[in-house]
C-alpha atoms as a PDB file:
ATOM      1  CA  MET A   1     -15.561  60.963 -12.455  1.00  0.00           C
ATOM      2  CA  THR A   2     -17.095  58.049 -14.322  1.00  0.00           C
ATOM      3  CA  VAL A   3     -18.801  58.873 -17.596  1.00  0.00           C
ATOM      4  CA  PRO A   4     -22.592  58.084 -17.389  1.00  0.00           C
ATOM      5  CA  THR A   5     -23.581  55.479 -19.844  1.00  0.00           C
ATOM      6  CA  GLY A   6     -27.341  55.878 -20.359  1.00  0.00           C
ATOM      7  CA  ARG A   7     -28.887  58.799 -22.228  1.00  0.00           C
ATOM      8  CA  ARG A   8     -30.768  60.025 -19.165  1.00  0.00           C
ATOM      9  CA  GLU A   9     -27.633  59.860 -16.975  1.00  0.00           C
ATOM     10  CA  ARG A  10     -25.585  61.724 -19.651  1.00  0.00           C
ATOM     11  CA  LYS A  11     -28.226  64.385 -19.833  1.00  0.00           C
ATOM     12  CA  LYS A  12     -28.323  64.822 -16.059  1.00  0.00           C
ATOM     13  CA  ALA A  13     -24.491  65.016 -15.949  1.00  0.00           C
ATOM     14  CA  ALA A  14     -24.489  67.605 -18.735  1.00  0.00           C
ATOM     15  CA  THR A  15     -27.112  69.688 -16.886  1.00  0.00           C
ATOM     16  CA  ARG A  16     -25.129  69.470 -13.649  1.00  0.00           C
ATOM     17  CA  GLN A  17     -21.961  70.535 -15.474  1.00  0.00           C
ATOM     18  CA  LYS A  18     -23.714  73.447 -17.208  1.00  0.00           C
ATOM     19  CA  ILE A  19     -25.111  74.699 -13.907  1.00  0.00           C
ATOM     20  CA  ALA A  20     -21.713  74.500 -12.181  1.00  0.00           C
ATOM     21  CA  GLU A  21     -19.847  76.230 -15.040  1.00  0.00           C
ATOM     22  CA  THR A  22     -22.474  78.957 -15.211  1.00  0.00           C
ATOM     23  CA  ALA A  23     -22.365  79.513 -11.483  1.00  0.00           C
ATOM     24  CA  LEU A  24     -18.606  79.684 -11.448  1.00  0.00           C
ATOM     25  CA  ARG A  25     -18.537  82.117 -14.283  1.00  0.00           C
ATOM     26  CA  LEU A  26     -21.098  84.407 -12.607  1.00  0.00           C
ATOM     27  CA  PHE A  27     -19.351  84.197  -9.261  1.00  0.00           C
ATOM     28  CA  LEU A  28     -16.045  85.169 -10.812  1.00  0.00           C
ATOM     29  CA  GLU A  29     -17.579  87.973 -12.970  1.00  0.00           C
ATOM     30  CA  ARG A  30     -19.827  89.580 -10.304  1.00  0.00           C
ATOM     31  CA  GLY A  31     -18.529  88.242  -7.009  1.00  0.00           C
ATOM     32  CA  TYR A  32     -19.884  85.359  -5.011  1.00  0.00           C
ATOM     33  CA  ASP A  33     -22.121  87.353  -2.679  1.00  0.00           C
ATOM     34  CA  ALA A  34     -23.598  89.399  -5.550  1.00  0.00           C
ATOM     35  CA  VAL A  35     -25.013  86.339  -7.315  1.00  0.00           C
ATOM     36  CA  GLY A  36     -28.045  84.494  -6.099  1.00  0.00           C
ATOM     37  CA  ILE A  37     -29.366  81.008  -6.838  1.00  0.00           C
ATOM     38  CA  ARG A  38     -32.098  82.495  -9.050  1.00  0.00           C
ATOM     39  CA  ASP A  39     -29.396  84.274 -11.091  1.00  0.00           C
ATOM     40  CA  VAL A  40     -27.559  81.066 -11.644  1.00  0.00           C
ATOM     41  CA  ALA A  41     -30.711  79.149 -12.562  1.00  0.00           C
ATOM     42  CA  ALA A  42     -31.872  81.814 -15.013  1.00  0.00           C
ATOM     43  CA  GLU A  43     -28.428  82.083 -16.624  1.00  0.00           C
ATOM     44  CA  ALA A  44     -28.184  78.257 -16.934  1.00  0.00           C
ATOM     45  CA  ASP A  45     -31.771  78.143 -18.225  1.00  0.00           C
ATOM     46  CA  VAL A  46     -32.974  75.741 -15.587  1.00  0.00           C
ATOM     47  CA  ALA A  47     -35.618  75.905 -12.826  1.00  0.00           C
ATOM     48  CA  VAL A  48     -34.414  76.643  -9.310  1.00  0.00           C
ATOM     49  CA  THR A  49     -35.769  73.196  -8.335  1.00  0.00           C
ATOM     50  CA  THR A  50     -33.552  71.606 -11.024  1.00  0.00           C
ATOM     51  CA  LEU A  51     -30.539  73.444  -9.662  1.00  0.00           C
ATOM     52  CA  PHE A  52     -31.314  72.183  -6.139  1.00  0.00           C
ATOM     53  CA  SER A  53     -31.762  68.631  -7.429  1.00  0.00           C
ATOM     54  CA  HIS A  54     -28.105  68.772  -8.465  1.00  0.00           C
ATOM     55  CA  PHE A  55     -26.634  70.978  -5.744  1.00  0.00           C
ATOM     56  CA  ALA A  56     -27.678  71.130  -2.081  1.00  0.00           C
ATOM     57  CA  SER A  57     -26.522  74.728  -1.563  1.00  0.00           C
ATOM     58  CA  LYS A  58     -25.008  77.775  -3.206  1.00  0.00           C
ATOM     59  CA  GLU A  59     -21.652  76.874  -1.761  1.00  0.00           C
ATOM     60  CA  ALA A  60     -21.829  73.409  -3.365  1.00  0.00           C
ATOM     61  CA  LEU A  61     -21.881  75.050  -6.778  1.00  0.00           C
ATOM     62  CA  VAL A  62     -18.264  76.158  -6.264  1.00  0.00           C
ATOM     63  CA  PHE A  63     -17.156  72.731  -5.051  1.00  0.00           C
ATOM     64  CA  GLU A  64     -18.706  70.753  -7.860  1.00  0.00           C
ATOM     65  CA  GLN A  65     -15.994  68.084  -7.773  1.00  0.00           C
ATOM     66  CA  ASP A  66     -16.541  67.463  -3.988  1.00  0.00           C
ATOM     67  CA  GLN A  67     -17.919  63.882  -4.359  1.00  0.00           C
ATOM     68  CA  ASN A  68     -15.377  63.010  -7.042  1.00  0.00           C
ATOM     69  CA  PHE A  69     -12.511  64.220  -4.751  1.00  0.00           C
ATOM     70  CA  GLU A  70     -13.825  62.157  -1.791  1.00  0.00           C
ATOM     71  CA  GLN A  71     -14.319  59.106  -3.984  1.00  0.00           C
ATOM     72  CA  ARG A  72     -10.847  59.353  -5.487  1.00  0.00           C
ATOM     73  CA  LEU A  73      -9.334  59.429  -2.011  1.00  0.00           C
ATOM     74  CA  THR A  74     -11.192  56.412  -0.763  1.00  0.00           C
ATOM     75  CA  GLN A  75     -10.450  54.549  -3.975  1.00  0.00           C
ATOM     76  CA  ALA A  76      -6.753  55.247  -3.467  1.00  0.00           C
ATOM     77  CA  VAL A  77      -7.124  53.030  -0.404  1.00  0.00           C
ATOM     78  CA  THR A  78      -9.647  50.456  -1.648  1.00  0.00           C
ATOM     79  CA  ASP A  79      -8.493  49.983  -5.219  1.00  0.00           C
ATOM     80  CA  ARG A  80      -4.780  49.679  -4.687  1.00  0.00           C
ATOM     81  CA  ALA A  81      -3.022  46.338  -5.302  1.00  0.00           C
ATOM     82  CA  PRO A  82      -2.751  44.055  -2.266  1.00  0.00           C
ATOM     83  CA  ASP A  83       1.014  44.566  -2.090  1.00  0.00           C
ATOM     84  CA  GLU A  84       0.887  48.340  -2.734  1.00  0.00           C
ATOM     85  CA  PRO A  85       1.684  50.392   0.417  1.00  0.00           C
ATOM     86  CA  LEU A  86      -1.054  52.691   1.654  1.00  0.00           C
ATOM     87  CA  ILE A  87       0.772  56.011   2.087  1.00  0.00           C
ATOM     88  CA  PRO A  88       2.352  56.126  -1.436  1.00  0.00           C
ATOM     89  CA  ALA A  89      -1.086  55.404  -2.932  1.00  0.00           C
ATOM     90  CA  LEU A  90      -2.531  58.312  -0.997  1.00  0.00           C
ATOM     91  CA  ARG A  91       0.414  60.543  -2.030  1.00  0.00           C
ATOM     92  CA  LEU A  92      -0.225  59.784  -5.675  1.00  0.00           C
ATOM     93  CA  ALA A  93      -3.927  60.622  -5.318  1.00  0.00           C
ATOM     94  CA  ILE A  94      -3.199  63.920  -3.519  1.00  0.00           C
ATOM     95  CA  ARG A  95      -0.471  64.802  -6.012  1.00  0.00           C
ATOM     96  CA  THR A  96      -2.945  64.342  -8.909  1.00  0.00           C
ATOM     97  CA  MET A  97      -5.615  66.467  -7.192  1.00  0.00           C
ATOM     98  CA  VAL A  98      -3.138  69.206  -6.376  1.00  0.00           C
ATOM     99  CA  GLN A  99      -1.990  69.329 -10.007  1.00  0.00           C
ATOM    100  CA  HIS A 100      -5.588  69.739 -11.059  1.00  0.00           C
ATOM    101  CA  CYS A 101      -6.267  72.522  -8.503  1.00  0.00           C
ATOM    102  CA  ALA A 102      -2.974  74.297  -9.241  1.00  0.00           C
ATOM    103  CA  ALA A 103      -3.620  74.331 -12.978  1.00  0.00           C
ATOM    104  CA  ASP A 104      -3.843  77.516 -15.016  1.00  0.00           C
ATOM    105  CA  GLY A 105      -7.082  79.294 -14.274  1.00  0.00           C
ATOM    106  CA  ALA A 106      -7.581  77.884 -10.813  1.00  0.00           C
ATOM    107  CA  ALA A 107      -6.029  80.820  -8.952  1.00  0.00           C
ATOM    108  CA  PRO A 108      -9.067  83.163  -9.240  1.00  0.00           C
ATOM    109  CA  ILE A 109     -11.321  80.366  -7.927  1.00  0.00           C
ATOM    110  CA  TRP A 110      -9.115  79.725  -4.893  1.00  0.00           C
ATOM    111  CA  ARG A 111      -8.800  83.511  -4.281  1.00  0.00           C
ATOM    112  CA  MET A 112     -12.628  83.792  -4.327  1.00  0.00           C
ATOM    113  CA  ILE A 113     -12.863  80.850  -1.876  1.00  0.00           C
ATOM    114  CA  ASP A 114     -10.167  82.374   0.441  1.00  0.00           C
ATOM    115  CA  GLU A 115     -11.947  85.795   0.405  1.00  0.00           C
ATOM    116  CA  THR A 116     -15.476  84.467   1.025  1.00  0.00           C
ATOM    117  CA  PRO A 117     -16.253  83.385   4.622  1.00  0.00           C
ATOM    118  CA  ALA A 118     -19.170  81.182   3.551  1.00  0.00           C
ATOM    119  CA  LEU A 119     -16.947  79.284   1.090  1.00  0.00           C
ATOM    120  CA  ARG A 120     -14.104  78.953   3.591  1.00  0.00           C
ATOM    121  CA  GLN A 121     -16.557  77.507   6.106  1.00  0.00           C
ATOM    122  CA  TYR A 122     -17.994  75.147   3.494  1.00  0.00           C
ATOM    123  CA  GLU A 123     -14.546  74.027   2.458  1.00  0.00           C
ATOM    124  CA  GLU A 124     -13.595  73.303   6.116  1.00  0.00           C
ATOM    125  CA  SER A 125     -16.734  71.168   6.630  1.00  0.00           C
ATOM    126  CA  MET A 126     -16.050  69.391   3.342  1.00  0.00           C
ATOM    127  CA  ARG A 127     -12.471  68.637   4.474  1.00  0.00           C
ATOM    128  CA  LEU A 128     -13.704  67.234   7.762  1.00  0.00           C
ATOM    129  CA  ARG A 129     -16.182  64.980   5.924  1.00  0.00           C
ATOM    130  CA  HIS A 130     -13.480  63.865   3.529  1.00  0.00           C
ATOM    131  CA  ALA A 131     -11.164  63.035   6.431  1.00  0.00           C
ATOM    132  CA  GLU A 132     -13.845  60.917   8.128  1.00  0.00           C
ATOM    133  CA  SER A 133     -14.592  59.054   4.917  1.00  0.00           C
ATOM    134  CA  LEU A 134     -10.885  58.437   4.289  1.00  0.00           C
ATOM    135  CA  ALA A 135     -10.379  57.286   7.915  1.00  0.00           C
ATOM    136  CA  ALA A 136     -13.210  54.800   7.543  1.00  0.00           C
ATOM    137  CA  ALA A 137     -11.710  53.444   4.312  1.00  0.00           C
ATOM    138  CA  ILE A 138      -8.279  53.029   5.925  1.00  0.00           C
ATOM    139  CA  ALA A 139      -9.750  51.296   8.956  1.00  0.00           C
ATOM    140  CA  ALA A 140     -11.879  49.019   6.796  1.00  0.00           C
ATOM    141  CA  ASP A 141      -8.906  48.205   4.603  1.00  0.00           C
ATOM    142  CA  LEU A 142      -6.901  47.150   7.719  1.00  0.00           C
ATOM    143  CA  ASP A 143      -9.962  45.421   9.249  1.00  0.00           C
ATOM    144  CA  GLN A 144      -9.961  47.775  12.227  1.00  0.00           C
ATOM    145  CA  PRO A 145     -12.641  49.798  14.014  1.00  0.00           C
ATOM    146  CA  PRO A 146     -13.521  52.957  12.054  1.00  0.00           C
ATOM    147  CA  ASN A 147     -13.208  55.475  14.858  1.00  0.00           C
ATOM    148  CA  THR A 148      -9.612  54.684  15.722  1.00  0.00           C
ATOM    149  CA  THR A 149      -7.763  57.912  16.405  1.00  0.00           C
ATOM    150  CA  VAL A 150      -4.691  56.944  14.459  1.00  0.00           C
ATOM    151  CA  TYR A 151      -6.606  56.468  11.200  1.00  0.00           C
ATOM    152  CA  ARG A 152      -8.563  59.647  11.726  1.00  0.00           C
ATOM    153  CA  ALA A 153      -5.333  61.598  12.398  1.00  0.00           C
ATOM    154  CA  ILE A 154      -3.575  60.163   9.275  1.00  0.00           C
ATOM    155  CA  ALA A 155      -6.660  60.884   7.196  1.00  0.00           C
ATOM    156  CA  LYS A 156      -6.746  64.475   8.450  1.00  0.00           C
ATOM    157  CA  PHE A 157      -3.065  64.937   7.705  1.00  0.00           C
ATOM    158  CA  VAL A 158      -3.642  63.615   4.168  1.00  0.00           C
ATOM    159  CA  ILE A 159      -6.567  65.998   3.603  1.00  0.00           C
ATOM    160  CA  ASP A 160      -4.603  68.945   5.054  1.00  0.00           C
ATOM    161  CA  ALA A 161      -1.704  68.038   2.732  1.00  0.00           C
ATOM    162  CA  PHE A 162      -3.941  68.885  -0.187  1.00  0.00           C
ATOM    163  CA  SER A 163      -4.723  72.322   1.217  1.00  0.00           C
ATOM    164  CA  LEU A 164      -1.173  73.140   2.168  1.00  0.00           C
ATOM    165  CA  ALA A 165       0.297  71.973  -1.108  1.00  0.00           C
ATOM    166  CA  ARG A 166      -2.147  73.800  -3.335  1.00  0.00           C
ATOM    167  CA  GLU A 167      -1.106  77.073  -1.565  1.00  0.00           C
ATOM    168  CA  ALA A 168       2.632  76.381  -1.898  1.00  0.00           C
ATOM    169  CA  ASP A 169       4.926  77.946  -4.491  1.00  0.00           C
ATOM    170  CA  ASP A 170       5.932  74.417  -5.566  1.00  0.00           C
ATOM    171  CA  PRO A 171       2.876  72.239  -4.915  1.00  0.00           C
ATOM    172  CA  GLU A 172       4.480  68.949  -5.947  1.00  0.00           C
ATOM    173  CA  ALA A 173       7.522  69.495  -3.719  1.00  0.00           C
ATOM    174  CA  ALA A 174       5.125  70.416  -0.894  1.00  0.00           C
ATOM    175  CA  VAL A 175       3.195  67.133  -1.415  1.00  0.00           C
ATOM    176  CA  ASP A 176       6.464  65.192  -1.187  1.00  0.00           C
ATOM    177  CA  ASP A 177       7.651  67.074   1.925  1.00  0.00           C
ATOM    178  CA  ILE A 178       4.333  66.567   3.698  1.00  0.00           C
ATOM    179  CA  PHE A 179       4.051  62.931   2.805  1.00  0.00           C
ATOM    180  CA  ARG A 180       7.523  62.248   4.112  1.00  0.00           C
ATOM    181  CA  MET A 181       6.214  63.326   7.487  1.00  0.00           C
ATOM    182  CA  ILE A 182       3.012  61.346   7.099  1.00  0.00           C
ATOM    183  CA  GLU A 183       4.975  58.255   6.094  1.00  0.00           C
ATOM    184  CA  ALA A 184       7.244  58.604   9.117  1.00  0.00           C
ATOM    185  CA  ALA A 185       4.272  59.040  11.434  1.00  0.00           C
ATOM    186  CA  TRP A 186       2.475  56.036   9.837  1.00  0.00           C
ATOM    187  CA  ALA A 187       5.578  53.818  10.146  1.00  0.00           C
ATOM    188  CA  LEU A 188       5.974  54.706  13.856  1.00  0.00           C
ATOM    189  CA  THR A 189       2.269  54.148  14.495  1.00  0.00           C
ATOM    190  CA  VAL A 190       1.835  50.780  12.801  1.00  0.00           C
ATOM    191  CA  GLY A 191       5.379  49.629  13.333  1.00  0.00           C
ATOM    192  CA  THR A 192       5.893  48.711   9.653  1.00  0.00           C
ATOM    193  CA  PRO A 193       6.680  50.685   6.492  1.00  0.00           C
ATOM    194  CA  ALA A 194       3.667  52.282   4.846  1.00  0.00           C
END
């Protein structure tokens, strides 16, 4: 995530971070369903309206890095060098994100997500949105129509690679295994190496 430059932007980012950290701490201490929005706002010392100006829902508090994740994926496509192949750029982005999500301390968060139906549902809708955004970036990069099934399928595979790898015993090896399959599918589809 880019560091805000102006004083006001820095203050807003700090407030957002404080709310997210407070919410996560409360959810892990008391359980997601036992904590309400008002509890989070009170503990973070902000008004409920301030909380909602930063987060659209209670579920969004858990997935504070959602926009950053989506942006990093699309930037893996749009910001790569002209001669850099697409699939390796996406593999690197996913590997970096998996390392972050598999870091020490992340297991309780993922356990909470896996055990909470509302969070699983939110994560699934988030993944679908990320896949659509990534598919649009791939299509635009290749100057193709955005709704092409091939790009949507590849994007969904990439997004699913993140979920599968973060659950694996060896996340980095899982990323490599999954991306070998994605690379092979991509090469067959476009007729050239990825």
